[in-house]
Amino acid sequence: MDSFEWNKIIGAVLGTAIFIFVVRVVAENIYEPEKPEKPGYVVEGVTEPPAGVGAAAPVAETLPDWGTVLAKADVAAGKSTGAKCEACHDLSAAKTVKIGPPLFGAVDRARASIAGFSYSAAIKSKPGNWSYDELFKFIKSPGAYIPGTKMSFAGISKIDDRINLIAYLRSNADAPAAIPAPKPAADPAAAAPAIGAAPAAVDGAPVKGPNSPTLPPASKGN
């Protein structure tokens, strides 16, 4: 086959490639999909922020009043939830080290205190005890609360499930941790001034109330 024949073949290939490229560009311009003004369906409970407004920061979770909730917690339900932990933790009084440290007597125990278990640097760097509040926050999402922890468990989002589990873990000990006293109820009347009470003084001078008598001005001395 001479060079003329080869030139024809190469020219045909190049021409086909150019034709395909042109057709693709034209098709993309003609049939470019348009985004709908409104979504085809709405997910309940999900709202989009106004244009130009960033996503709101997550709201901090209110911690339970342990003096109140522990007395009403379902320990049996907590034990059932605790079955999820047994894949990695020993819950018995034997305190056997498994993939994770044993959880017998875990409530109010010092962090990274089980001999023979290799704790992550993240856990070691966070001093203190596993208090009710600390367990409540950690169990919700271990990796989010203590980044770098070896615990790969996704967490328990439901508040009641965490409270019941912590109540069970408290009972699962030789000497259960003390239950704190219930927090005093807020007294709205204490914050509001009494009706008819004299207004507070400002810079040493009394502030006139609506029913205060009008006094004549004091005479100036010579």
C-alpha atoms as a PDB file:
ATOM      1  CA  MET A   1       0.000   0.000   0.000  1.00  0.00           C
ATOM      2  CA  ASP A   2       1.562   3.309  -1.103  1.00  0.00           C
ATOM      3  CA  SER A   3       1.754   6.549   0.876  1.00  0.00           C
ATOM      4  CA  PHE A   4      -1.277   7.984  -0.920  1.00  0.00           C
ATOM      5  CA  GLU A   5      -3.509   5.228   0.421  1.00  0.00           C
ATOM      6  CA  TRP A   6      -2.151   5.743   3.952  1.00  0.00           C
ATOM      7  CA  ASN A   7      -2.815   9.472   3.719  1.00  0.00           C
ATOM      8  CA  LYS A   8      -6.432   8.777   2.786  1.00  0.00           C
ATOM      9  CA  ILE A   9      -6.899   6.453   5.753  1.00  0.00           C
ATOM     10  CA  ILE A  10      -5.331   8.915   8.233  1.00  0.00           C
ATOM     11  CA  GLY A  11      -7.399  11.757   6.763  1.00  0.00           C
ATOM     12  CA  ALA A  12     -10.582   9.730   7.140  1.00  0.00           C
ATOM     13  CA  VAL A  13      -9.824   8.930  10.780  1.00  0.00           C
ATOM     14  CA  LEU A  14      -9.036  12.568  11.617  1.00  0.00           C
ATOM     15  CA  GLY A  15     -12.136  13.765   9.788  1.00  0.00           C
ATOM     16  CA  THR A  16     -14.328  11.335  11.724  1.00  0.00           C
ATOM     17  CA  ALA A  17     -12.834  12.443  15.049  1.00  0.00           C
ATOM     18  CA  ILE A  18     -13.395  16.122  14.215  1.00  0.00           C
ATOM     19  CA  PHE A  19     -16.969  15.395  13.137  1.00  0.00           C
ATOM     20  CA  ILE A  20     -17.745  13.564  16.389  1.00  0.00           C
ATOM     21  CA  PHE A  21     -16.238  16.432  18.452  1.00  0.00           C
ATOM     22  CA  VAL A  22     -18.309  19.061  16.606  1.00  0.00           C
ATOM     23  CA  VAL A  23     -21.529  17.054  16.955  1.00  0.00           C
ATOM     24  CA  ARG A  24     -20.901  16.623  20.709  1.00  0.00           C
ATOM     25  CA  VAL A  25     -20.332  20.360  21.263  1.00  0.00           C
ATOM     26  CA  VAL A  26     -23.450  21.294  19.303  1.00  0.00           C
ATOM     27  CA  ALA A  27     -25.564  18.694  21.114  1.00  0.00           C
ATOM     28  CA  GLU A  28     -24.447  19.918  24.553  1.00  0.00           C
ATOM     29  CA  ASN A  29     -25.409  23.472  23.667  1.00  0.00           C
ATOM     30  CA  ILE A  30     -28.796  22.497  22.230  1.00  0.00           C
ATOM     31  CA  TYR A  31     -29.815  19.960  24.855  1.00  0.00           C
ATOM     32  CA  GLU A  32     -28.244  21.527  27.959  1.00  0.00           C
ATOM     33  CA  PRO A  33     -30.497  20.512  30.903  1.00  0.00           C
ATOM     34  CA  GLU A  34     -32.192  23.282  32.845  1.00  0.00           C
ATOM     35  CA  LYS A  35     -32.350  23.102  36.617  1.00  0.00           C
ATOM     36  CA  PRO A  36     -35.917  23.277  37.982  1.00  0.00           C
ATOM     37  CA  GLU A  37     -36.879  26.344  39.988  1.00  0.00           C
ATOM     38  CA  LYS A  38     -38.283  24.081  42.705  1.00  0.00           C
ATOM     39  CA  PRO A  39     -37.215  20.533  43.637  1.00  0.00           C
ATOM     40  CA  GLY A  40     -39.424  17.697  42.498  1.00  0.00           C
ATOM     41  CA  TYR A  41     -39.988  16.584  46.088  1.00  0.00           C
ATOM     42  CA  VAL A  42     -39.468  18.045  49.518  1.00  0.00           C
ATOM     43  CA  VAL A  43     -37.786  16.175  52.365  1.00  0.00           C
ATOM     44  CA  GLU A  44     -39.781  16.718  55.535  1.00  0.00           C
ATOM     45  CA  GLY A  45     -37.902  18.605  58.226  1.00  0.00           C
ATOM     46  CA  VAL A  46     -35.169  19.882  55.889  1.00  0.00           C
ATOM     47  CA  THR A  47     -35.142  23.545  54.937  1.00  0.00           C
ATOM     48  CA  GLU A  48     -32.717  25.483  52.803  1.00  0.00           C
ATOM     49  CA  PRO A  49     -31.177  28.644  54.279  1.00  0.00           C
ATOM     50  CA  PRO A  50     -31.856  31.946  52.484  1.00  0.00           C
ATOM     51  CA  ALA A  51     -29.485  32.919  49.710  1.00  0.00           C
ATOM     52  CA  GLY A  52     -26.236  34.322  51.035  1.00  0.00           C
ATOM     53  CA  VAL A  53     -26.780  32.881  54.505  1.00  0.00           C
ATOM     54  CA  GLY A  54     -24.459  30.118  55.669  1.00  0.00           C
ATOM     55  CA  ALA A  55     -25.562  26.991  57.493  1.00  0.00           C
ATOM     56  CA  ALA A  56     -26.353  27.520  61.160  1.00  0.00           C
ATOM     57  CA  ALA A  57     -23.960  26.107  63.717  1.00  0.00           C
ATOM     58  CA  PRO A  58     -25.219  22.947  65.448  1.00  0.00           C
ATOM     59  CA  VAL A  59     -27.111  23.617  68.650  1.00  0.00           C
ATOM     60  CA  ALA A  60     -25.436  22.289  71.775  1.00  0.00           C
ATOM     61  CA  GLU A  61     -27.367  19.424  73.353  1.00  0.00           C
ATOM     62  CA  THR A  62     -28.874  20.084  76.769  1.00  0.00           C
ATOM     63  CA  LEU A  63     -27.420  17.722  79.349  1.00  0.00           C
ATOM     64  CA  PRO A  64     -29.894  15.707  81.446  1.00  0.00           C
ATOM     65  CA  ASP A  65     -30.600  16.399  85.103  1.00  0.00           C
ATOM     66  CA  TRP A  66     -29.101  13.123  86.294  1.00  0.00           C
ATOM     67  CA  GLY A  67     -30.620  13.431  89.737  1.00  0.00           C
ATOM     68  CA  THR A  68     -34.026  13.255  88.063  1.00  0.00           C
ATOM     69  CA  VAL A  69     -33.618  11.058  84.978  1.00  0.00           C
ATOM     70  CA  LEU A  70     -31.674   8.196  86.591  1.00  0.00           C
ATOM     71  CA  ALA A  71     -34.505   7.522  89.027  1.00  0.00           C
ATOM     72  CA  LYS A  72     -36.900   7.083  86.088  1.00  0.00           C
ATOM     73  CA  ALA A  73     -34.522   5.321  83.675  1.00  0.00           C
ATOM     74  CA  ASP A  74     -35.311   1.869  82.282  1.00  0.00           C
ATOM     75  CA  VAL A  75     -32.305  -0.201  83.369  1.00  0.00           C
ATOM     76  CA  ALA A  76     -33.584  -3.311  81.572  1.00  0.00           C
ATOM     77  CA  ALA A  77     -33.825  -1.374  78.305  1.00  0.00           C
ATOM     78  CA  GLY A  78     -30.339  -0.050  78.944  1.00  0.00           C
ATOM     79  CA  LYS A  79     -29.025  -3.587  79.366  1.00  0.00           C
ATOM     80  CA  SER A  80     -30.605  -4.514  76.047  1.00  0.00           C
ATOM     81  CA  THR A  81     -28.934  -1.541  74.376  1.00  0.00           C
ATOM     82  CA  GLY A  82     -25.670  -2.536  76.042  1.00  0.00           C
ATOM     83  CA  ALA A  83     -25.701  -5.779  74.052  1.00  0.00           C
ATOM     84  CA  LYS A  84     -24.326  -3.688  71.171  1.00  0.00           C
ATOM     85  CA  CYS A  85     -21.239  -2.981  73.275  1.00  0.00           C
ATOM     86  CA  GLU A  86     -20.454  -6.640  73.947  1.00  0.00           C
ATOM     87  CA  ALA A  87     -18.930  -7.136  70.506  1.00  0.00           C
ATOM     88  CA  CYS A  88     -15.932  -5.101  71.687  1.00  0.00           C
ATOM     89  CA  HIS A  89     -16.278  -4.751  75.484  1.00  0.00           C
ATOM     90  CA  ASP A  90     -16.627  -7.144  78.401  1.00  0.00           C
ATOM     91  CA  LEU A  91     -19.517  -6.090  80.644  1.00  0.00           C
ATOM     92  CA  SER A  92     -18.975  -8.770  83.274  1.00  0.00           C
ATOM     93  CA  ALA A  93     -17.188  -8.499  86.616  1.00  0.00           C
ATOM     94  CA  ALA A  94     -14.291 -10.450  85.063  1.00  0.00           C
ATOM     95  CA  LYS A  95     -13.186  -7.180  83.411  1.00  0.00           C
ATOM     96  CA  THR A  96     -11.578  -8.970  80.475  1.00  0.00           C
ATOM     97  CA  VAL A  97      -9.735  -6.778  77.998  1.00  0.00           C
ATOM     98  CA  LYS A  98     -11.119  -7.315  74.498  1.00  0.00           C
ATOM     99  CA  ILE A  99     -10.980  -5.042  71.451  1.00  0.00           C
ATOM    100  CA  GLY A 100     -12.049  -2.331  73.868  1.00  0.00           C
ATOM    101  CA  PRO A 101     -11.578  -1.922  77.625  1.00  0.00           C
ATOM    102  CA  PRO A 102     -14.047  -3.617  80.018  1.00  0.00           C
ATOM    103  CA  LEU A 103     -17.121  -1.593  80.947  1.00  0.00           C
ATOM    104  CA  PHE A 104     -17.832  -3.100  84.368  1.00  0.00           C
ATOM    105  CA  GLY A 105     -17.718  -0.162  86.791  1.00  0.00           C
ATOM    106  CA  ALA A 106     -17.202   2.296  83.921  1.00  0.00           C
ATOM    107  CA  VAL A 107     -19.319   5.125  85.350  1.00  0.00           C
ATOM    108  CA  ASP A 108     -17.127   7.686  87.134  1.00  0.00           C
ATOM    109  CA  ARG A 109     -13.994   5.653  86.365  1.00  0.00           C
ATOM    110  CA  ALA A 110     -10.845   7.557  85.394  1.00  0.00           C
ATOM    111  CA  ARG A 111     -10.148   7.626  81.672  1.00  0.00           C
ATOM    112  CA  ALA A 112      -7.391   5.388  80.299  1.00  0.00           C
ATOM    113  CA  SER A 113      -7.128   3.583  83.646  1.00  0.00           C
ATOM    114  CA  ILE A 114      -7.452  -0.095  82.649  1.00  0.00           C
ATOM    115  CA  ALA A 115      -4.084  -1.829  82.838  1.00  0.00           C
ATOM    116  CA  GLY A 116      -3.209  -3.924  79.825  1.00  0.00           C
ATOM    117  CA  PHE A 117      -5.292  -1.961  77.312  1.00  0.00           C
ATOM    118  CA  SER A 118      -3.582   0.212  74.706  1.00  0.00           C
ATOM    119  CA  TYR A 119      -5.524   3.469  74.729  1.00  0.00           C
ATOM    120  CA  SER A 120      -5.385   5.980  71.900  1.00  0.00           C
ATOM    121  CA  ALA A 121      -3.412   9.186  72.350  1.00  0.00           C
ATOM    122  CA  ALA A 122      -6.709  11.093  72.039  1.00  0.00           C
ATOM    123  CA  ILE A 123      -8.201   9.368  75.104  1.00  0.00           C
ATOM    124  CA  LYS A 124      -4.970   9.710  77.074  1.00  0.00           C
ATOM    125  CA  SER A 125      -4.845  13.441  76.336  1.00  0.00           C
ATOM    126  CA  LYS A 126      -8.307  14.026  77.815  1.00  0.00           C
ATOM    127  CA  PRO A 127      -8.029  13.840  81.606  1.00  0.00           C
ATOM    128  CA  GLY A 128     -10.844  13.324  84.063  1.00  0.00           C
ATOM    129  CA  ASN A 129     -13.409  10.645  84.817  1.00  0.00           C
ATOM    130  CA  TRP A 130     -16.176   9.087  82.776  1.00  0.00           C
ATOM    131  CA  SER A 131     -18.868  11.129  84.501  1.00  0.00           C
ATOM    132  CA  TYR A 132     -22.524  10.923  83.538  1.00  0.00           C
ATOM    133  CA  ASP A 133     -22.164  13.991  81.316  1.00  0.00           C
ATOM    134  CA  GLU A 134     -18.979  12.713  79.663  1.00  0.00           C
ATOM    135  CA  LEU A 135     -20.487   9.320  78.890  1.00  0.00           C
ATOM    136  CA  PHE A 136     -23.659  10.969  77.573  1.00  0.00           C
ATOM    137  CA  LYS A 137     -21.669  13.109  75.110  1.00  0.00           C
ATOM    138  CA  PHE A 138     -19.199  10.381  74.151  1.00  0.00           C
ATOM    139  CA  ILE A 139     -21.787   7.668  73.487  1.00  0.00           C
ATOM    140  CA  LYS A 140     -23.688   9.986  71.148  1.00  0.00           C
ATOM    141  CA  SER A 141     -20.758  10.053  68.696  1.00  0.00           C
ATOM    142  CA  PRO A 142     -17.368   8.850  69.994  1.00  0.00           C
ATOM    143  CA  GLY A 143     -15.407  10.006  66.968  1.00  0.00           C
ATOM    144  CA  ALA A 144     -16.977  13.465  66.959  1.00  0.00           C
ATOM    145  CA  TYR A 145     -16.585  14.052  70.700  1.00  0.00           C
ATOM    146  CA  ILE A 146     -12.996  12.764  70.940  1.00  0.00           C
ATOM    147  CA  PRO A 147     -11.439  12.866  67.454  1.00  0.00           C
ATOM    148  CA  GLY A 148      -8.732  10.251  67.108  1.00  0.00           C
ATOM    149  CA  THR A 149     -10.310   7.680  69.405  1.00  0.00           C
ATOM    150  CA  LYS A 150      -9.908   4.047  68.347  1.00  0.00           C
ATOM    151  CA  MET A 151     -13.593   3.444  69.002  1.00  0.00           C
ATOM    152  CA  SER A 152     -15.229   3.091  65.597  1.00  0.00           C
ATOM    153  CA  PHE A 153     -18.786   2.784  66.963  1.00  0.00           C
ATOM    154  CA  ALA A 154     -21.107   5.257  65.181  1.00  0.00           C
ATOM    155  CA  GLY A 155     -22.876   6.187  68.403  1.00  0.00           C
ATOM    156  CA  ILE A 156     -26.413   6.356  69.808  1.00  0.00           C
ATOM    157  CA  SER A 157     -28.325   9.485  68.883  1.00  0.00           C
ATOM    158  CA  LYS A 158     -31.539   8.875  70.835  1.00  0.00           C
ATOM    159  CA  ILE A 159     -31.397  10.581  74.227  1.00  0.00           C
ATOM    160  CA  ASP A 160     -33.556   8.066  76.091  1.00  0.00           C
ATOM    161  CA  ASP A 161     -31.452   5.155  74.843  1.00  0.00           C
ATOM    162  CA  ARG A 162     -28.290   6.821  76.135  1.00  0.00           C
ATOM    163  CA  ILE A 163     -29.842   7.617  79.502  1.00  0.00           C
ATOM    164  CA  ASN A 164     -31.056   4.026  79.908  1.00  0.00           C
ATOM    165  CA  LEU A 165     -27.664   2.633  78.877  1.00  0.00           C
ATOM    166  CA  ILE A 166     -25.837   4.866  81.356  1.00  0.00           C
ATOM    167  CA  ALA A 167     -28.300   3.860  84.098  1.00  0.00           C
ATOM    168  CA  TYR A 168     -27.486   0.217  83.332  1.00  0.00           C
ATOM    169  CA  LEU A 169     -23.734   0.844  83.272  1.00  0.00           C
ATOM    170  CA  ARG A 170     -24.048   2.565  86.653  1.00  0.00           C
ATOM    171  CA  SER A 171     -25.808  -0.481  88.102  1.00  0.00           C
ATOM    172  CA  ASN A 172     -23.207  -2.785  86.535  1.00  0.00           C
ATOM    173  CA  ALA A 173     -20.563  -2.211  89.209  1.00  0.00           C
ATOM    174  CA  ASP A 174     -19.444  -3.439  92.607  1.00  0.00           C
ATOM    175  CA  ALA A 175     -20.222  -0.010  94.077  1.00  0.00           C
ATOM    176  CA  PRO A 176     -22.521   2.047  91.781  1.00  0.00           C
ATOM    177  CA  ALA A 177     -21.587   5.703  91.372  1.00  0.00           C
ATOM    178  CA  ALA A 178     -23.527   8.195  93.458  1.00  0.00           C
ATOM    179  CA  ILE A 179     -26.564   9.850  91.933  1.00  0.00           C
ATOM    180  CA  PRO A 180     -26.348  13.643  92.181  1.00  0.00           C
ATOM    181  CA  ALA A 181     -29.138  15.627  93.795  1.00  0.00           C
ATOM    182  CA  PRO A 182     -31.814  16.887  91.383  1.00  0.00           C
ATOM    183  CA  LYS A 183     -31.269  20.404  90.147  1.00  0.00           C
ATOM    184  CA  PRO A 184     -33.539  22.984  91.791  1.00  0.00           C
ATOM    185  CA  ALA A 185     -36.457  24.074  89.663  1.00  0.00           C
ATOM    186  CA  ALA A 186     -36.172  27.573  88.260  1.00  0.00           C
ATOM    187  CA  ASP A 187     -38.417  30.058  90.073  1.00  0.00           C
ATOM    188  CA  PRO A 188     -39.696  32.605  87.522  1.00  0.00           C
ATOM    189  CA  ALA A 189     -41.093  34.773  90.311  1.00  0.00           C
ATOM    190  CA  ALA A 190     -37.620  35.250  91.774  1.00  0.00           C
ATOM    191  CA  ALA A 191     -36.336  36.947  88.638  1.00  0.00           C
ATOM    192  CA  ALA A 192     -39.314  39.320  88.221  1.00  0.00           C
ATOM    193  CA  PRO A 193     -39.668  42.402  90.466  1.00  0.00           C
ATOM    194  CA  ALA A 194     -42.633  42.423  92.804  1.00  0.00           C
ATOM    195  CA  ILE A 195     -45.646  44.475  91.737  1.00  0.00           C
ATOM    196  CA  GLY A 196     -45.584  47.857  93.427  1.00  0.00           C
ATOM    197  CA  ALA A 197     -41.939  47.539  94.498  1.00  0.00           C
ATOM    198  CA  ALA A 198     -39.896  50.699  94.548  1.00  0.00           C
ATOM    199  CA  PRO A 199     -37.648  51.119  91.485  1.00  0.00           C
ATOM    200  CA  ALA A 200     -33.953  50.671  91.954  1.00  0.00           C
ATOM    201  CA  ALA A 201     -31.731  53.670  92.506  1.00  0.00           C
ATOM    202  CA  VAL A 202     -29.456  54.901  89.725  1.00  0.00           C
ATOM    203  CA  ASP A 203     -26.159  56.475  90.738  1.00  0.00           C
ATOM    204  CA  GLY A 204     -27.445  56.963  94.271  1.00  0.00           C
ATOM    205  CA  ALA A 205     -30.602  58.824  93.177  1.00  0.00           C
ATOM    206  CA  PRO A 206     -33.959  57.043  93.405  1.00  0.00           C
ATOM    207  CA  VAL A 207     -35.793  56.535  90.139  1.00  0.00           C
ATOM    208  CA  LYS A 208     -39.354  57.833  90.170  1.00  0.00           C
ATOM    209  CA  GLY A 209     -41.970  55.209  89.720  1.00  0.00           C
ATOM    210  CA  PRO A 210     -45.420  55.807  88.224  1.00  0.00           C
ATOM    211  CA  ASN A 211     -46.967  56.412  91.678  1.00  0.00           C
ATOM    212  CA  SER A 212     -44.076  58.350  93.232  1.00  0.00           C
ATOM    213  CA  PRO A 213     -45.105  61.781  94.678  1.00  0.00           C
ATOM    214  CA  THR A 214     -43.664  64.875  93.001  1.00  0.00           C
ATOM    215  CA  LEU A 215     -41.473  66.788  95.451  1.00  0.00           C
ATOM    216  CA  PRO A 216     -40.638  70.473  95.155  1.00  0.00           C
ATOM    217  CA  PRO A 217     -37.066  71.261  94.169  1.00  0.00           C
ATOM    218  CA  ALA A 218     -34.664  71.843  97.031  1.00  0.00           C
ATOM    219  CA  SER A 219     -33.714  75.455  97.619  1.00  0.00           C
ATOM    220  CA  LYS A 220     -30.201  76.422  96.793  1.00  0.00           C
ATOM    221  CA  GLY A 221     -27.990  77.666  99.579  1.00  0.00           C
ATOM    222  CA  ASN A 222     -26.380  81.113  99.459  1.00  0.00           C
END
